[in-house]
Amino acid sequence: QLVLYYRDVPYADGIVILGHLADD
């Protein structure tokens, strides 16, 4: 799954960061 984070979340195995919004 693609995941779009709108809150910080704790570390979890299996998550790969793909990128980030230009403006928080």
PDBML (XML) file of the C-alpha atoms, coordinates in Angstrom:
<?xml version="1.0" encoding="UTF-8" ?>
<PDBx:datablock datablockName="MODEL"
   xmlns:PDBx="http://pdbml.pdb.org/schema/pdbx-v50.xsd"
   xmlns:xsi="http://www.w3.org/2001/XMLSchema-instance"
   xsi:schemaLocation="http://pdbml.pdb.org/schema/pdbx-v50.xsd pdbx-v50.xsd">
   <PDBx:atom_siteCategory>
      <PDBx:atom_site id="1">
         <PDBx:B_iso_or_equiv>0.00</PDBx:B_iso_or_equiv>
         <PDBx:Cartn_x>0.000</PDBx:Cartn_x>
         <PDBx:Cartn_y>0.000</PDBx:Cartn_y>
         <PDBx:Cartn_z>0.000</PDBx:Cartn_z>
         <PDBx:auth_asym_id>A</PDBx:auth_asym_id>
         <PDBx:auth_atom_id>CA</PDBx:auth_atom_id>
         <PDBx:auth_comp_id>GLN</PDBx:auth_comp_id>
         <PDBx:auth_seq_id>1</PDBx:auth_seq_id>
         <PDBx:group_PDB>ATOM</PDBx:group_PDB>
         <PDBx:label_alt_id xsi:nil="true" />
         <PDBx:label_asym_id>A</PDBx:label_asym_id>
         <PDBx:label_atom_id>CA</PDBx:label_atom_id>
         <PDBx:label_comp_id>GLN</PDBx:label_comp_id>
         <PDBx:label_entity_id>1</PDBx:label_entity_id>
         <PDBx:label_seq_id>1</PDBx:label_seq_id>
         <PDBx:occupancy>1.00</PDBx:occupancy>
         <PDBx:pdbx_PDB_model_num>1</PDBx:pdbx_PDB_model_num>
         <PDBx:type_symbol>C</PDBx:type_symbol>
      </PDBx:atom_site>
      <PDBx:atom_site id="2">
         <PDBx:B_iso_or_equiv>0.00</PDBx:B_iso_or_equiv>
         <PDBx:Cartn_x>0.829</PDBx:Cartn_x>
         <PDBx:Cartn_y>3.637</PDBx:Cartn_y>
         <PDBx:Cartn_z>-0.622</PDBx:Cartn_z>
         <PDBx:auth_asym_id>A</PDBx:auth_asym_id>
         <PDBx:auth_atom_id>CA</PDBx:auth_atom_id>
         <PDBx:auth_comp_id>LEU</PDBx:auth_comp_id>
         <PDBx:auth_seq_id>2</PDBx:auth_seq_id>
         <PDBx:group_PDB>ATOM</PDBx:group_PDB>
         <PDBx:label_alt_id xsi:nil="true" />
         <PDBx:label_asym_id>A</PDBx:label_asym_id>
         <PDBx:label_atom_id>CA</PDBx:label_atom_id>
         <PDBx:label_comp_id>LEU</PDBx:label_comp_id>
         <PDBx:label_entity_id>1</PDBx:label_entity_id>
         <PDBx:label_seq_id>2</PDBx:label_seq_id>
         <PDBx:occupancy>1.00</PDBx:occupancy>
         <PDBx:pdbx_PDB_model_num>1</PDBx:pdbx_PDB_model_num>
         <PDBx:type_symbol>C</PDBx:type_symbol>
      </PDBx:atom_site>
      <PDBx:atom_site id="3">
         <PDBx:B_iso_or_equiv>0.00</PDBx:B_iso_or_equiv>
         <PDBx:Cartn_x>0.564</PDBx:Cartn_x>
         <PDBx:Cartn_y>5.539</PDBx:Cartn_y>
         <PDBx:Cartn_z>2.641</PDBx:Cartn_z>
         <PDBx:auth_asym_id>A</PDBx:auth_asym_id>
         <PDBx:auth_atom_id>CA</PDBx:auth_atom_id>
         <PDBx:auth_comp_id>VAL</PDBx:auth_comp_id>
         <PDBx:auth_seq_id>3</PDBx:auth_seq_id>
         <PDBx:group_PDB>ATOM</PDBx:group_PDB>
         <PDBx:label_alt_id xsi:nil="true" />
         <PDBx:label_asym_id>A</PDBx:label_asym_id>
         <PDBx:label_atom_id>CA</PDBx:label_atom_id>
         <PDBx:label_comp_id>VAL</PDBx:label_comp_id>
         <PDBx:label_entity_id>1</PDBx:label_entity_id>
         <PDBx:label_seq_id>3</PDBx:label_seq_id>
         <PDBx:occupancy>1.00</PDBx:occupancy>
         <PDBx:pdbx_PDB_model_num>1</PDBx:pdbx_PDB_model_num>
         <PDBx:type_symbol>C</PDBx:type_symbol>
      </PDBx:atom_site>
      <PDBx:atom_site id="4">
         <PDBx:B_iso_or_equiv>0.00</PDBx:B_iso_or_equiv>
         <PDBx:Cartn_x>0.113</PDBx:Cartn_x>
         <PDBx:Cartn_y>9.296</PDBx:Cartn_y>
         <PDBx:Cartn_z>3.042</PDBx:Cartn_z>
         <PDBx:auth_asym_id>A</PDBx:auth_asym_id>
         <PDBx:auth_atom_id>CA</PDBx:auth_atom_id>
         <PDBx:auth_comp_id>LEU</PDBx:auth_comp_id>
         <PDBx:auth_seq_id>4</PDBx:auth_seq_id>
         <PDBx:group_PDB>ATOM</PDBx:group_PDB>
         <PDBx:label_alt_id xsi:nil="true" />
         <PDBx:label_asym_id>A</PDBx:label_asym_id>
         <PDBx:label_atom_id>CA</PDBx:label_atom_id>
         <PDBx:label_comp_id>LEU</PDBx:label_comp_id>
         <PDBx:label_entity_id>1</PDBx:label_entity_id>
         <PDBx:label_seq_id>4</PDBx:label_seq_id>
         <PDBx:occupancy>1.00</PDBx:occupancy>
         <PDBx:pdbx_PDB_model_num>1</PDBx:pdbx_PDB_model_num>
         <PDBx:type_symbol>C</PDBx:type_symbol>
      </PDBx:atom_site>
      <PDBx:atom_site id="5">
         <PDBx:B_iso_or_equiv>0.00</PDBx:B_iso_or_equiv>
         <PDBx:Cartn_x>0.883</PDBx:Cartn_x>
         <PDBx:Cartn_y>10.426</PDBx:Cartn_y>
         <PDBx:Cartn_z>6.601</PDBx:Cartn_z>
         <PDBx:auth_asym_id>A</PDBx:auth_asym_id>
         <PDBx:auth_atom_id>CA</PDBx:auth_atom_id>
         <PDBx:auth_comp_id>TYR</PDBx:auth_comp_id>
         <PDBx:auth_seq_id>5</PDBx:auth_seq_id>
         <PDBx:group_PDB>ATOM</PDBx:group_PDB>
         <PDBx:label_alt_id xsi:nil="true" />
         <PDBx:label_asym_id>A</PDBx:label_asym_id>
         <PDBx:label_atom_id>CA</PDBx:label_atom_id>
         <PDBx:label_comp_id>TYR</PDBx:label_comp_id>
         <PDBx:label_entity_id>1</PDBx:label_entity_id>
         <PDBx:label_seq_id>5</PDBx:label_seq_id>
         <PDBx:occupancy>1.00</PDBx:occupancy>
         <PDBx:pdbx_PDB_model_num>1</PDBx:pdbx_PDB_model_num>
         <PDBx:type_symbol>C</PDBx:type_symbol>
      </PDBx:atom_site>
      <PDBx:atom_site id="6">
         <PDBx:B_iso_or_equiv>0.00</PDBx:B_iso_or_equiv>
         <PDBx:Cartn_x>-0.937</PDBx:Cartn_x>
         <PDBx:Cartn_y>13.390</PDBx:Cartn_y>
         <PDBx:Cartn_z>8.102</PDBx:Cartn_z>
         <PDBx:auth_asym_id>A</PDBx:auth_asym_id>
         <PDBx:auth_atom_id>CA</PDBx:auth_atom_id>
         <PDBx:auth_comp_id>TYR</PDBx:auth_comp_id>
         <PDBx:auth_seq_id>6</PDBx:auth_seq_id>
         <PDBx:group_PDB>ATOM</PDBx:group_PDB>
         <PDBx:label_alt_id xsi:nil="true" />
         <PDBx:label_asym_id>A</PDBx:label_asym_id>
         <PDBx:label_atom_id>CA</PDBx:label_atom_id>
         <PDBx:label_comp_id>TYR</PDBx:label_comp_id>
         <PDBx:label_entity_id>1</PDBx:label_entity_id>
         <PDBx:label_seq_id>6</PDBx:label_seq_id>
         <PDBx:occupancy>1.00</PDBx:occupancy>
         <PDBx:pdbx_PDB_model_num>1</PDBx:pdbx_PDB_model_num>
         <PDBx:type_symbol>C</PDBx:type_symbol>
      </PDBx:atom_site>
      <PDBx:atom_site id="7">
         <PDBx:B_iso_or_equiv>0.00</PDBx:B_iso_or_equiv>
         <PDBx:Cartn_x>0.356</PDBx:Cartn_x>
         <PDBx:Cartn_y>12.682</PDBx:Cartn_y>
         <PDBx:Cartn_z>11.634</PDBx:Cartn_z>
         <PDBx:auth_asym_id>A</PDBx:auth_asym_id>
         <PDBx:auth_atom_id>CA</PDBx:auth_atom_id>
         <PDBx:auth_comp_id>ARG</PDBx:auth_comp_id>
         <PDBx:auth_seq_id>7</PDBx:auth_seq_id>
         <PDBx:group_PDB>ATOM</PDBx:group_PDB>
         <PDBx:label_alt_id xsi:nil="true" />
         <PDBx:label_asym_id>A</PDBx:label_asym_id>
         <PDBx:label_atom_id>CA</PDBx:label_atom_id>
         <PDBx:label_comp_id>ARG</PDBx:label_comp_id>
         <PDBx:label_entity_id>1</PDBx:label_entity_id>
         <PDBx:label_seq_id>7</PDBx:label_seq_id>
         <PDBx:occupancy>1.00</PDBx:occupancy>
         <PDBx:pdbx_PDB_model_num>1</PDBx:pdbx_PDB_model_num>
         <PDBx:type_symbol>C</PDBx:type_symbol>
      </PDBx:atom_site>
      <PDBx:atom_site id="8">
         <PDBx:B_iso_or_equiv>0.00</PDBx:B_iso_or_equiv>
         <PDBx:Cartn_x>3.669</PDBx:Cartn_x>
         <PDBx:Cartn_y>11.365</PDBx:Cartn_y>
         <PDBx:Cartn_z>12.955</PDBx:Cartn_z>
         <PDBx:auth_asym_id>A</PDBx:auth_asym_id>
         <PDBx:auth_atom_id>CA</PDBx:auth_atom_id>
         <PDBx:auth_comp_id>ASP</PDBx:auth_comp_id>
         <PDBx:auth_seq_id>8</PDBx:auth_seq_id>
         <PDBx:group_PDB>ATOM</PDBx:group_PDB>
         <PDBx:label_alt_id xsi:nil="true" />
         <PDBx:label_asym_id>A</PDBx:label_asym_id>
         <PDBx:label_atom_id>CA</PDBx:label_atom_id>
         <PDBx:label_comp_id>ASP</PDBx:label_comp_id>
         <PDBx:label_entity_id>1</PDBx:label_entity_id>
         <PDBx:label_seq_id>8</PDBx:label_seq_id>
         <PDBx:occupancy>1.00</PDBx:occupancy>
         <PDBx:pdbx_PDB_model_num>1</PDBx:pdbx_PDB_model_num>
         <PDBx:type_symbol>C</PDBx:type_symbol>
      </PDBx:atom_site>
      <PDBx:atom_site id="9">
         <PDBx:B_iso_or_equiv>0.00</PDBx:B_iso_or_equiv>
         <PDBx:Cartn_x>3.590</PDBx:Cartn_x>
         <PDBx:Cartn_y>7.638</PDBx:Cartn_y>
         <PDBx:Cartn_z>13.684</PDBx:Cartn_z>
         <PDBx:auth_asym_id>A</PDBx:auth_asym_id>
         <PDBx:auth_atom_id>CA</PDBx:auth_atom_id>
         <PDBx:auth_comp_id>VAL</PDBx:auth_comp_id>
         <PDBx:auth_seq_id>9</PDBx:auth_seq_id>
         <PDBx:group_PDB>ATOM</PDBx:group_PDB>
         <PDBx:label_alt_id xsi:nil="true" />
         <PDBx:label_asym_id>A</PDBx:label_asym_id>
         <PDBx:label_atom_id>CA</PDBx:label_atom_id>
         <PDBx:label_comp_id>VAL</PDBx:label_comp_id>
         <PDBx:label_entity_id>1</PDBx:label_entity_id>
         <PDBx:label_seq_id>9</PDBx:label_seq_id>
         <PDBx:occupancy>1.00</PDBx:occupancy>
         <PDBx:pdbx_PDB_model_num>1</PDBx:pdbx_PDB_model_num>
         <PDBx:type_symbol>C</PDBx:type_symbol>
      </PDBx:atom_site>
      <PDBx:atom_site id="10">
         <PDBx:B_iso_or_equiv>0.00</PDBx:B_iso_or_equiv>
         <PDBx:Cartn_x>5.972</PDBx:Cartn_x>
         <PDBx:Cartn_y>5.394</PDBx:Cartn_y>
         <PDBx:Cartn_z>15.612</PDBx:Cartn_z>
         <PDBx:auth_asym_id>A</PDBx:auth_asym_id>
         <PDBx:auth_atom_id>CA</PDBx:auth_atom_id>
         <PDBx:auth_comp_id>PRO</PDBx:auth_comp_id>
         <PDBx:auth_seq_id>10</PDBx:auth_seq_id>
         <PDBx:group_PDB>ATOM</PDBx:group_PDB>
         <PDBx:label_alt_id xsi:nil="true" />
         <PDBx:label_asym_id>A</PDBx:label_asym_id>
         <PDBx:label_atom_id>CA</PDBx:label_atom_id>
         <PDBx:label_comp_id>PRO</PDBx:label_comp_id>
         <PDBx:label_entity_id>1</PDBx:label_entity_id>
         <PDBx:label_seq_id>10</PDBx:label_seq_id>
         <PDBx:occupancy>1.00</PDBx:occupancy>
         <PDBx:pdbx_PDB_model_num>1</PDBx:pdbx_PDB_model_num>
         <PDBx:type_symbol>C</PDBx:type_symbol>
      </PDBx:atom_site>
      <PDBx:atom_site id="11">
         <PDBx:B_iso_or_equiv>0.00</PDBx:B_iso_or_equiv>
         <PDBx:Cartn_x>8.538</PDBx:Cartn_x>
         <PDBx:Cartn_y>3.160</PDBx:Cartn_y>
         <PDBx:Cartn_z>14.000</PDBx:Cartn_z>
         <PDBx:auth_asym_id>A</PDBx:auth_asym_id>
         <PDBx:auth_atom_id>CA</PDBx:auth_atom_id>
         <PDBx:auth_comp_id>TYR</PDBx:auth_comp_id>
         <PDBx:auth_seq_id>11</PDBx:auth_seq_id>
         <PDBx:group_PDB>ATOM</PDBx:group_PDB>
         <PDBx:label_alt_id xsi:nil="true" />
         <PDBx:label_asym_id>A</PDBx:label_asym_id>
         <PDBx:label_atom_id>CA</PDBx:label_atom_id>
         <PDBx:label_comp_id>TYR</PDBx:label_comp_id>
         <PDBx:label_entity_id>1</PDBx:label_entity_id>
         <PDBx:label_seq_id>11</PDBx:label_seq_id>
         <PDBx:occupancy>1.00</PDBx:occupancy>
         <PDBx:pdbx_PDB_model_num>1</PDBx:pdbx_PDB_model_num>
         <PDBx:type_symbol>C</PDBx:type_symbol>
      </PDBx:atom_site>
      <PDBx:atom_site id="12">
         <PDBx:B_iso_or_equiv>0.00</PDBx:B_iso_or_equiv>
         <PDBx:Cartn_x>7.172</PDBx:Cartn_x>
         <PDBx:Cartn_y>0.026</PDBx:Cartn_y>
         <PDBx:Cartn_z>12.341</PDBx:Cartn_z>
         <PDBx:auth_asym_id>A</PDBx:auth_asym_id>
         <PDBx:auth_atom_id>CA</PDBx:auth_atom_id>
         <PDBx:auth_comp_id>ALA</PDBx:auth_comp_id>
         <PDBx:auth_seq_id>12</PDBx:auth_seq_id>
         <PDBx:group_PDB>ATOM</PDBx:group_PDB>
         <PDBx:label_alt_id xsi:nil="true" />
         <PDBx:label_asym_id>A</PDBx:label_asym_id>
         <PDBx:label_atom_id>CA</PDBx:label_atom_id>
         <PDBx:label_comp_id>ALA</PDBx:label_comp_id>
         <PDBx:label_entity_id>1</PDBx:label_entity_id>
         <PDBx:label_seq_id>12</PDBx:label_seq_id>
         <PDBx:occupancy>1.00</PDBx:occupancy>
         <PDBx:pdbx_PDB_model_num>1</PDBx:pdbx_PDB_model_num>
         <PDBx:type_symbol>C</PDBx:type_symbol>
      </PDBx:atom_site>
      <PDBx:atom_site id="13">
         <PDBx:B_iso_or_equiv>0.00</PDBx:B_iso_or_equiv>
         <PDBx:Cartn_x>8.822</PDBx:Cartn_x>
         <PDBx:Cartn_y>-2.700</PDBx:Cartn_y>
         <PDBx:Cartn_z>10.309</PDBx:Cartn_z>
         <PDBx:auth_asym_id>A</PDBx:auth_asym_id>
         <PDBx:auth_atom_id>CA</PDBx:auth_atom_id>
         <PDBx:auth_comp_id>ASP</PDBx:auth_comp_id>
         <PDBx:auth_seq_id>13</PDBx:auth_seq_id>
         <PDBx:group_PDB>ATOM</PDBx:group_PDB>
         <PDBx:label_alt_id xsi:nil="true" />
         <PDBx:label_asym_id>A</PDBx:label_asym_id>
         <PDBx:label_atom_id>CA</PDBx:label_atom_id>
         <PDBx:label_comp_id>ASP</PDBx:label_comp_id>
         <PDBx:label_entity_id>1</PDBx:label_entity_id>
         <PDBx:label_seq_id>13</PDBx:label_seq_id>
         <PDBx:occupancy>1.00</PDBx:occupancy>
         <PDBx:pdbx_PDB_model_num>1</PDBx:pdbx_PDB_model_num>
         <PDBx:type_symbol>C</PDBx:type_symbol>
      </PDBx:atom_site>
      <PDBx:atom_site id="14">
         <PDBx:B_iso_or_equiv>0.00</PDBx:B_iso_or_equiv>
         <PDBx:Cartn_x>7.811</PDBx:Cartn_x>
         <PDBx:Cartn_y>-2.785</PDBx:Cartn_y>
         <PDBx:Cartn_z>6.649</PDBx:Cartn_z>
         <PDBx:auth_asym_id>A</PDBx:auth_asym_id>
         <PDBx:auth_atom_id>CA</PDBx:auth_atom_id>
         <PDBx:auth_comp_id>GLY</PDBx:auth_comp_id>
         <PDBx:auth_seq_id>14</PDBx:auth_seq_id>
         <PDBx:group_PDB>ATOM</PDBx:group_PDB>
         <PDBx:label_alt_id xsi:nil="true" />
         <PDBx:label_asym_id>A</PDBx:label_asym_id>
         <PDBx:label_atom_id>CA</PDBx:label_atom_id>
         <PDBx:label_comp_id>GLY</PDBx:label_comp_id>
         <PDBx:label_entity_id>1</PDBx:label_entity_id>
         <PDBx:label_seq_id>14</PDBx:label_seq_id>
         <PDBx:occupancy>1.00</PDBx:occupancy>
         <PDBx:pdbx_PDB_model_num>1</PDBx:pdbx_PDB_model_num>
         <PDBx:type_symbol>C</PDBx:type_symbol>
      </PDBx:atom_site>
      <PDBx:atom_site id="15">
         <PDBx:B_iso_or_equiv>0.00</PDBx:B_iso_or_equiv>
         <PDBx:Cartn_x>7.479</PDBx:Cartn_x>
         <PDBx:Cartn_y>0.970</PDBx:Cartn_y>
         <PDBx:Cartn_z>6.109</PDBx:Cartn_z>
         <PDBx:auth_asym_id>A</PDBx:auth_asym_id>
         <PDBx:auth_atom_id>CA</PDBx:auth_atom_id>
         <PDBx:auth_comp_id>ILE</PDBx:auth_comp_id>
         <PDBx:auth_seq_id>15</PDBx:auth_seq_id>
         <PDBx:group_PDB>ATOM</PDBx:group_PDB>
         <PDBx:label_alt_id xsi:nil="true" />
         <PDBx:label_asym_id>A</PDBx:label_asym_id>
         <PDBx:label_atom_id>CA</PDBx:label_atom_id>
         <PDBx:label_comp_id>ILE</PDBx:label_comp_id>
         <PDBx:label_entity_id>1</PDBx:label_entity_id>
         <PDBx:label_seq_id>15</PDBx:label_seq_id>
         <PDBx:occupancy>1.00</PDBx:occupancy>
         <PDBx:pdbx_PDB_model_num>1</PDBx:pdbx_PDB_model_num>
         <PDBx:type_symbol>C</PDBx:type_symbol>
      </PDBx:atom_site>
      <PDBx:atom_site id="16">
         <PDBx:B_iso_or_equiv>0.00</PDBx:B_iso_or_equiv>
         <PDBx:Cartn_x>9.628</PDBx:Cartn_x>
         <PDBx:Cartn_y>2.478</PDBx:Cartn_y>
         <PDBx:Cartn_z>3.365</PDBx:Cartn_z>
         <PDBx:auth_asym_id>A</PDBx:auth_asym_id>
         <PDBx:auth_atom_id>CA</PDBx:auth_atom_id>
         <PDBx:auth_comp_id>VAL</PDBx:auth_comp_id>
         <PDBx:auth_seq_id>16</PDBx:auth_seq_id>
         <PDBx:group_PDB>ATOM</PDBx:group_PDB>
         <PDBx:label_alt_id xsi:nil="true" />
         <PDBx:label_asym_id>A</PDBx:label_asym_id>
         <PDBx:label_atom_id>CA</PDBx:label_atom_id>
         <PDBx:label_comp_id>VAL</PDBx:label_comp_id>
         <PDBx:label_entity_id>1</PDBx:label_entity_id>
         <PDBx:label_seq_id>16</PDBx:label_seq_id>
         <PDBx:occupancy>1.00</PDBx:occupancy>
         <PDBx:pdbx_PDB_model_num>1</PDBx:pdbx_PDB_model_num>
         <PDBx:type_symbol>C</PDBx:type_symbol>
      </PDBx:atom_site>
      <PDBx:atom_site id="17">
         <PDBx:B_iso_or_equiv>0.00</PDBx:B_iso_or_equiv>
         <PDBx:Cartn_x>9.654</PDBx:Cartn_x>
         <PDBx:Cartn_y>6.280</PDBx:Cartn_y>
         <PDBx:Cartn_z>3.104</PDBx:Cartn_z>
         <PDBx:auth_asym_id>A</PDBx:auth_asym_id>
         <PDBx:auth_atom_id>CA</PDBx:auth_atom_id>
         <PDBx:auth_comp_id>ILE</PDBx:auth_comp_id>
         <PDBx:auth_seq_id>17</PDBx:auth_seq_id>
         <PDBx:group_PDB>ATOM</PDBx:group_PDB>
         <PDBx:label_alt_id xsi:nil="true" />
         <PDBx:label_asym_id>A</PDBx:label_asym_id>
         <PDBx:label_atom_id>CA</PDBx:label_atom_id>
         <PDBx:label_comp_id>ILE</PDBx:label_comp_id>
         <PDBx:label_entity_id>1</PDBx:label_entity_id>
         <PDBx:label_seq_id>17</PDBx:label_seq_id>
         <PDBx:occupancy>1.00</PDBx:occupancy>
         <PDBx:pdbx_PDB_model_num>1</PDBx:pdbx_PDB_model_num>
         <PDBx:type_symbol>C</PDBx:type_symbol>
      </PDBx:atom_site>
      <PDBx:atom_site id="18">
         <PDBx:B_iso_or_equiv>0.00</PDBx:B_iso_or_equiv>
         <PDBx:Cartn_x>9.175</PDBx:Cartn_x>
         <PDBx:Cartn_y>7.327</PDBx:Cartn_y>
         <PDBx:Cartn_z>-0.549</PDBx:Cartn_z>
         <PDBx:auth_asym_id>A</PDBx:auth_asym_id>
         <PDBx:auth_atom_id>CA</PDBx:auth_atom_id>
         <PDBx:auth_comp_id>LEU</PDBx:auth_comp_id>
         <PDBx:auth_seq_id>18</PDBx:auth_seq_id>
         <PDBx:group_PDB>ATOM</PDBx:group_PDB>
         <PDBx:label_alt_id xsi:nil="true" />
         <PDBx:label_asym_id>A</PDBx:label_asym_id>
         <PDBx:label_atom_id>CA</PDBx:label_atom_id>
         <PDBx:label_comp_id>LEU</PDBx:label_comp_id>
         <PDBx:label_entity_id>1</PDBx:label_entity_id>
         <PDBx:label_seq_id>18</PDBx:label_seq_id>
         <PDBx:occupancy>1.00</PDBx:occupancy>
         <PDBx:pdbx_PDB_model_num>1</PDBx:pdbx_PDB_model_num>
         <PDBx:type_symbol>C</PDBx:type_symbol>
      </PDBx:atom_site>
      <PDBx:atom_site id="19">
         <PDBx:B_iso_or_equiv>0.00</PDBx:B_iso_or_equiv>
         <PDBx:Cartn_x>9.210</PDBx:Cartn_x>
         <PDBx:Cartn_y>11.105</PDBx:Cartn_y>
         <PDBx:Cartn_z>-0.185</PDBx:Cartn_z>
         <PDBx:auth_asym_id>A</PDBx:auth_asym_id>
         <PDBx:auth_atom_id>CA</PDBx:auth_atom_id>
         <PDBx:auth_comp_id>GLY</PDBx:auth_comp_id>
         <PDBx:auth_seq_id>19</PDBx:auth_seq_id>
         <PDBx:group_PDB>ATOM</PDBx:group_PDB>
         <PDBx:label_alt_id xsi:nil="true" />
         <PDBx:label_asym_id>A</PDBx:label_asym_id>
         <PDBx:label_atom_id>CA</PDBx:label_atom_id>
         <PDBx:label_comp_id>GLY</PDBx:label_comp_id>
         <PDBx:label_entity_id>1</PDBx:label_entity_id>
         <PDBx:label_seq_id>19</PDBx:label_seq_id>
         <PDBx:occupancy>1.00</PDBx:occupancy>
         <PDBx:pdbx_PDB_model_num>1</PDBx:pdbx_PDB_model_num>
         <PDBx:type_symbol>C</PDBx:type_symbol>
      </PDBx:atom_site>
      <PDBx:atom_site id="20">
         <PDBx:B_iso_or_equiv>0.00</PDBx:B_iso_or_equiv>
         <PDBx:Cartn_x>7.720</PDBx:Cartn_x>
         <PDBx:Cartn_y>14.130</PDBx:Cartn_y>
         <PDBx:Cartn_z>1.543</PDBx:Cartn_z>
         <PDBx:auth_asym_id>A</PDBx:auth_asym_id>
         <PDBx:auth_atom_id>CA</PDBx:auth_atom_id>
         <PDBx:auth_comp_id>HIS</PDBx:auth_comp_id>
         <PDBx:auth_seq_id>20</PDBx:auth_seq_id>
         <PDBx:group_PDB>ATOM</PDBx:group_PDB>
         <PDBx:label_alt_id xsi:nil="true" />
         <PDBx:label_asym_id>A</PDBx:label_asym_id>
         <PDBx:label_atom_id>CA</PDBx:label_atom_id>
         <PDBx:label_comp_id>HIS</PDBx:label_comp_id>
         <PDBx:label_entity_id>1</PDBx:label_entity_id>
         <PDBx:label_seq_id>20</PDBx:label_seq_id>
         <PDBx:occupancy>1.00</PDBx:occupancy>
         <PDBx:pdbx_PDB_model_num>1</PDBx:pdbx_PDB_model_num>
         <PDBx:type_symbol>C</PDBx:type_symbol>
      </PDBx:atom_site>
      <PDBx:atom_site id="21">
         <PDBx:B_iso_or_equiv>0.00</PDBx:B_iso_or_equiv>
         <PDBx:Cartn_x>5.363</PDBx:Cartn_x>
         <PDBx:Cartn_y>17.027</PDBx:Cartn_y>
         <PDBx:Cartn_z>0.910</PDBx:Cartn_z>
         <PDBx:auth_asym_id>A</PDBx:auth_asym_id>
         <PDBx:auth_atom_id>CA</PDBx:auth_atom_id>
         <PDBx:auth_comp_id>LEU</PDBx:auth_comp_id>
         <PDBx:auth_seq_id>21</PDBx:auth_seq_id>
         <PDBx:group_PDB>ATOM</PDBx:group_PDB>
         <PDBx:label_alt_id xsi:nil="true" />
         <PDBx:label_asym_id>A</PDBx:label_asym_id>
         <PDBx:label_atom_id>CA</PDBx:label_atom_id>
         <PDBx:label_comp_id>LEU</PDBx:label_comp_id>
         <PDBx:label_entity_id>1</PDBx:label_entity_id>
         <PDBx:label_seq_id>21</PDBx:label_seq_id>
         <PDBx:occupancy>1.00</PDBx:occupancy>
         <PDBx:pdbx_PDB_model_num>1</PDBx:pdbx_PDB_model_num>
         <PDBx:type_symbol>C</PDBx:type_symbol>
      </PDBx:atom_site>
      <PDBx:atom_site id="22">
         <PDBx:B_iso_or_equiv>0.00</PDBx:B_iso_or_equiv>
         <PDBx:Cartn_x>7.135</PDBx:Cartn_x>
         <PDBx:Cartn_y>20.206</PDBx:Cartn_y>
         <PDBx:Cartn_z>-0.144</PDBx:Cartn_z>
         <PDBx:auth_asym_id>A</PDBx:auth_asym_id>
         <PDBx:auth_atom_id>CA</PDBx:auth_atom_id>
         <PDBx:auth_comp_id>ALA</PDBx:auth_comp_id>
         <PDBx:auth_seq_id>22</PDBx:auth_seq_id>
         <PDBx:group_PDB>ATOM</PDBx:group_PDB>
         <PDBx:label_alt_id xsi:nil="true" />
         <PDBx:label_asym_id>A</PDBx:label_asym_id>
         <PDBx:label_atom_id>CA</PDBx:label_atom_id>
         <PDBx:label_comp_id>ALA</PDBx:label_comp_id>
         <PDBx:label_entity_id>1</PDBx:label_entity_id>
         <PDBx:label_seq_id>22</PDBx:label_seq_id>
         <PDBx:occupancy>1.00</PDBx:occupancy>
         <PDBx:pdbx_PDB_model_num>1</PDBx:pdbx_PDB_model_num>
         <PDBx:type_symbol>C</PDBx:type_symbol>
      </PDBx:atom_site>
      <PDBx:atom_site id="23">
         <PDBx:B_iso_or_equiv>0.00</PDBx:B_iso_or_equiv>
         <PDBx:Cartn_x>5.228</PDBx:Cartn_x>
         <PDBx:Cartn_y>22.294</PDBx:Cartn_y>
         <PDBx:Cartn_z>2.408</PDBx:Cartn_z>
         <PDBx:auth_asym_id>A</PDBx:auth_asym_id>
         <PDBx:auth_atom_id>CA</PDBx:auth_atom_id>
         <PDBx:auth_comp_id>ASP</PDBx:auth_comp_id>
         <PDBx:auth_seq_id>23</PDBx:auth_seq_id>
         <PDBx:group_PDB>ATOM</PDBx:group_PDB>
         <PDBx:label_alt_id xsi:nil="true" />
         <PDBx:label_asym_id>A</PDBx:label_asym_id>
         <PDBx:label_atom_id>CA</PDBx:label_atom_id>
         <PDBx:label_comp_id>ASP</PDBx:label_comp_id>
         <PDBx:label_entity_id>1</PDBx:label_entity_id>
         <PDBx:label_seq_id>23</PDBx:label_seq_id>
         <PDBx:occupancy>1.00</PDBx:occupancy>
         <PDBx:pdbx_PDB_model_num>1</PDBx:pdbx_PDB_model_num>
         <PDBx:type_symbol>C</PDBx:type_symbol>
      </PDBx:atom_site>
      <PDBx:atom_site id="24">
         <PDBx:B_iso_or_equiv>0.00</PDBx:B_iso_or_equiv>
         <PDBx:Cartn_x>4.337</PDBx:Cartn_x>
         <PDBx:Cartn_y>20.772</PDBx:Cartn_y>
         <PDBx:Cartn_z>5.779</PDBx:Cartn_z>
         <PDBx:auth_asym_id>A</PDBx:auth_asym_id>
         <PDBx:auth_atom_id>CA</PDBx:auth_atom_id>
         <PDBx:auth_comp_id>ASP</PDBx:auth_comp_id>
         <PDBx:auth_seq_id>24</PDBx:auth_seq_id>
         <PDBx:group_PDB>ATOM</PDBx:group_PDB>
         <PDBx:label_alt_id xsi:nil="true" />
         <PDBx:label_asym_id>A</PDBx:label_asym_id>
         <PDBx:label_atom_id>CA</PDBx:label_atom_id>
         <PDBx:label_comp_id>ASP</PDBx:label_comp_id>
         <PDBx:label_entity_id>1</PDBx:label_entity_id>
         <PDBx:label_seq_id>24</PDBx:label_seq_id>
         <PDBx:occupancy>1.00</PDBx:occupancy>
         <PDBx:pdbx_PDB_model_num>1</PDBx:pdbx_PDB_model_num>
         <PDBx:type_symbol>C</PDBx:type_symbol>
      </PDBx:atom_site>
   </PDBx:atom_siteCategory>
</PDBx:datablock>
